[in-house]
Amino acid sequence: MASSSRAVSASLLFFFLLLGFSAAKELLVGGKIDAWKIPSSEVDSLNQWAEKSRFRVGDYLVWKFESGKDSVLEVTREEYGNCSTSNPIKEYSDGNTKVMLERPGPFYFISGAKGHCEKGQKLVVVVISPKHTFRAISPAPSPAEFEAPAVAPTSTATTLQVALLTSTLGVFAMTLVVAFF
């Protein structure tokens, strides 16, 4: 009976550890289908959403928008700052765009529709490197560090609080499982 309890305990502990090491995810840009648009305010900016999110190598960003009326351009830092649509790294216009984040570091995206980028329809995501994947309480770098001052930077204190709470709950759950069995 004791060996059975230990086996269950070890299995549950292994399961909780796996939860900490997440697999690649598909992330809907802005957290909703109609997010790829000119923001109504700086608070509605996609960079606000990105600052609260954690992006890892292998994750996918997914955009949903009306094909033919807009597009997503992956651009350089300079093109992002200047809202230059003339020489994108990649262009997506199908309305159901899925982009894999293949490397750590910043990725810059702007709208391909004339004048939209200048009105704030743009996004910077910062992908953390694999060596930082296991640091539970480290906040994600702020996209504000990588962009022109089109969007006011915000505090990452909320991100740190959420990460700390998640880490604490995970440790508590593992302790509870081990103590119970």
Protein backbone atom coordinates (compact mmCIF):
# COMPACT_ATOMS: atom_id res chain seq x y z
CA MET A 1 0.00 0.00 0.00
CA ALA A 2 2.83 2.40 0.89
CA SER A 3 4.61 1.74 -2.42
CA SER A 4 1.34 2.38 -4.26
CA SER A 5 0.93 5.74 -2.50
CA ARG A 6 4.51 6.67 -3.31
CA ALA A 7 4.01 5.79 -6.96
CA VAL A 8 0.89 7.94 -7.14
CA SER A 9 2.74 10.72 -5.31
CA ALA A 10 5.67 10.54 -7.69
CA SER A 11 3.35 10.50 -10.70
CA LEU A 12 1.46 13.57 -9.49
CA LEU A 13 4.70 15.38 -8.71
CA PHE A 14 5.99 14.60 -12.21
CA PHE A 15 2.69 15.86 -13.69
CA PHE A 16 2.94 19.17 -11.79
CA LEU A 17 6.54 19.59 -12.90
CA LEU A 18 5.47 19.07 -16.52
CA LEU A 19 2.89 21.82 -16.12
CA GLY A 20 5.74 24.21 -15.43
CA PHE A 21 7.46 23.30 -18.68
CA SER A 22 4.82 24.33 -21.18
CA ALA A 23 4.75 23.17 -24.77
CA ALA A 24 4.38 25.51 -27.73
CA LYS A 25 1.11 27.43 -27.73
CA GLU A 26 -1.05 29.20 -30.26
CA LEU A 27 -1.70 32.72 -29.01
CA LEU A 28 -4.53 34.74 -30.55
CA VAL A 29 -3.09 38.24 -30.98
CA GLY A 30 -4.78 40.57 -28.52
CA GLY A 31 -6.63 37.63 -26.99
CA LYS A 32 -9.64 38.08 -29.29
CA ILE A 33 -10.58 37.69 -32.95
CA ASP A 34 -11.08 41.37 -33.79
CA ALA A 35 -7.94 42.67 -32.06
CA TRP A 36 -5.95 43.46 -35.25
CA LYS A 37 -7.31 46.98 -35.73
CA ILE A 38 -6.48 50.58 -34.95
CA PRO A 39 -6.61 50.83 -31.15
CA SER A 40 -9.22 53.18 -29.69
CA SER A 41 -6.67 54.30 -27.04
CA GLU A 42 -3.18 53.46 -25.80
CA VAL A 43 -4.78 51.22 -23.19
CA ASP A 44 -6.33 49.22 -26.06
CA SER A 45 -2.91 48.82 -27.73
CA LEU A 46 -1.71 45.35 -28.67
CA ASN A 47 1.58 46.17 -26.98
CA GLN A 48 -0.31 46.38 -23.68
CA TRP A 49 -1.47 42.81 -24.31
CA ALA A 50 2.04 41.71 -25.31
CA GLU A 51 3.56 43.11 -22.11
CA LYS A 52 1.23 40.90 -20.08
CA SER A 53 2.01 37.79 -22.13
CA ARG A 54 4.97 35.46 -22.19
CA PHE A 55 6.24 34.28 -25.56
CA ARG A 56 8.54 31.31 -25.99
CA VAL A 57 10.46 29.89 -28.94
CA GLY A 58 8.09 27.59 -30.83
CA ASP A 59 4.90 29.47 -29.90
CA TYR A 60 2.61 30.69 -32.69
CA LEU A 61 0.97 34.09 -33.00
CA VAL A 62 -2.43 33.92 -34.69
CA TRP A 63 -4.14 36.91 -36.33
CA LYS A 64 -7.77 36.89 -37.44
CA PHE A 65 -8.84 39.77 -39.71
CA GLU A 66 -10.85 40.41 -42.85
CA SER A 67 -8.81 39.34 -45.86
CA GLY A 68 -8.32 42.06 -48.49
CA LYS A 69 -8.87 44.92 -46.01
CA ASP A 70 -5.68 44.59 -43.98
CA SER A 71 -2.48 42.60 -43.67
CA VAL A 72 0.24 41.83 -41.15
CA LEU A 73 3.80 42.81 -42.02
CA GLU A 74 6.79 41.46 -40.12
CA VAL A 75 9.36 44.25 -40.23
CA THR A 76 12.68 45.37 -38.79
CA ARG A 77 12.95 47.58 -35.71
CA GLU A 78 13.60 50.63 -37.90
CA GLU A 79 10.63 49.93 -40.18
CA TYR A 80 8.48 49.45 -37.08
CA GLY A 81 9.56 52.81 -35.67
CA ASN A 82 8.99 54.57 -39.02
CA CYS A 83 5.83 52.60 -39.92
CA SER A 84 7.50 51.73 -43.22
CA THR A 85 5.55 49.18 -45.27
CA SER A 86 7.84 49.26 -48.33
CA ASN A 87 10.23 46.39 -47.53
CA PRO A 88 8.73 43.89 -45.05
CA ILE A 89 10.55 40.75 -43.96
CA LYS A 90 7.28 38.84 -44.50
CA GLU A 91 3.74 39.79 -45.48
CA TYR A 92 0.57 37.97 -44.48
CA SER A 93 -2.78 38.91 -46.02
CA ASP A 94 -4.98 35.81 -45.84
CA GLY A 95 -6.95 36.93 -42.77
CA ASN A 96 -6.04 33.78 -40.86
CA THR A 97 -2.35 34.30 -40.21
CA LYS A 98 -0.24 31.99 -38.10
CA VAL A 99 3.40 32.92 -37.43
CA MET A 100 5.85 30.70 -35.56
CA LEU A 101 8.23 32.49 -33.19
CA GLU A 102 11.40 30.66 -34.21
CA ARG A 103 14.07 32.46 -32.18
CA PRO A 104 14.47 34.45 -28.98
CA GLY A 105 14.39 38.24 -29.13
CA PRO A 106 12.01 40.89 -30.44
CA PHE A 107 9.62 40.48 -33.38
CA TYR A 108 8.05 43.57 -34.96
CA PHE A 109 4.68 43.59 -36.74
CA ILE A 110 2.74 46.45 -38.34
CA SER A 111 -0.46 46.76 -40.30
CA GLY A 112 -0.08 46.86 -44.06
CA ALA A 113 -3.17 49.08 -44.47
CA LYS A 114 -2.28 52.68 -45.32
CA GLY A 115 -2.10 54.91 -42.23
CA HIS A 116 -2.99 52.18 -39.72
CA CYS A 117 0.50 51.77 -38.25
CA GLU A 118 0.78 55.51 -37.64
CA LYS A 119 -2.47 55.28 -35.66
CA GLY A 120 -1.06 52.55 -33.42
CA GLN A 121 -1.88 49.28 -35.21
CA LYS A 122 1.40 47.57 -34.53
CA LEU A 123 2.89 45.01 -32.20
CA VAL A 124 6.21 44.07 -30.65
CA VAL A 125 6.59 40.66 -29.02
CA VAL A 126 9.70 39.65 -27.13
CA VAL A 127 10.42 35.93 -27.18
CA ILE A 128 12.33 34.65 -24.19
CA SER A 129 15.30 32.41 -24.78
CA PRO A 130 15.15 28.72 -23.87
CA LYS A 131 17.55 29.27 -20.97
CA HIS A 132 14.98 31.62 -19.37
CA THR A 133 12.07 29.22 -19.81
CA PHE A 134 12.46 27.75 -16.32
CA ARG A 135 12.73 31.02 -14.36
CA ALA A 136 9.26 31.21 -12.84
CA ILE A 137 9.32 34.70 -11.31
CA SER A 138 11.17 36.61 -14.01
CA PRO A 139 8.84 39.01 -15.85
CA ALA A 140 8.85 39.05 -19.63
CA PRO A 141 10.85 41.91 -21.14
CA SER A 142 8.72 44.90 -22.03
CA PRO A 143 8.11 45.54 -25.75
CA ALA A 144 8.47 49.23 -24.85
CA GLU A 145 12.23 48.62 -24.63
CA PHE A 146 12.28 47.78 -28.35
CA GLU A 147 10.02 50.36 -29.93
CA ALA A 148 9.70 53.98 -30.82
CA PRO A 149 7.66 55.92 -28.24
CA ALA A 150 4.33 55.35 -30.04
CA VAL A 151 2.91 53.54 -27.01
CA ALA A 152 3.58 54.60 -23.44
CA PRO A 153 5.51 51.95 -21.51
CA THR A 154 3.78 50.29 -18.58
CA SER A 155 4.98 48.61 -15.44
CA THR A 156 5.72 44.92 -15.49
CA ALA A 157 4.84 44.68 -11.79
CA THR A 158 1.56 42.94 -12.62
CA THR A 159 3.40 40.35 -14.71
CA LEU A 160 5.80 39.74 -11.83
CA GLN A 161 2.92 39.38 -9.35
CA VAL A 162 1.12 36.85 -11.59
CA ALA A 163 4.33 34.86 -12.17
CA LEU A 164 5.11 34.84 -8.44
CA LEU A 165 1.55 33.77 -7.57
CA THR A 166 1.65 30.99 -10.20
CA SER A 167 5.01 29.78 -8.93
CA THR A 168 3.83 29.86 -5.31
CA LEU A 169 0.63 27.96 -6.14
CA GLY A 170 2.62 25.31 -8.02
CA VAL A 171 5.00 24.78 -5.08
CA PHE A 172 2.03 24.70 -2.69
CA ALA A 173 0.23 22.10 -4.83
CA MET A 174 3.32 19.89 -5.02
CA THR A 175 3.85 20.18 -1.25
CA LEU A 176 0.21 19.31 -0.65
CA VAL A 177 0.40 16.24 -2.90
CA VAL A 178 3.59 14.98 -1.27
CA ALA A 179 2.24 15.62 2.26
CA PHE A 180 -1.10 13.97 1.47
CA PHE A 181 0.44 10.76 0.25
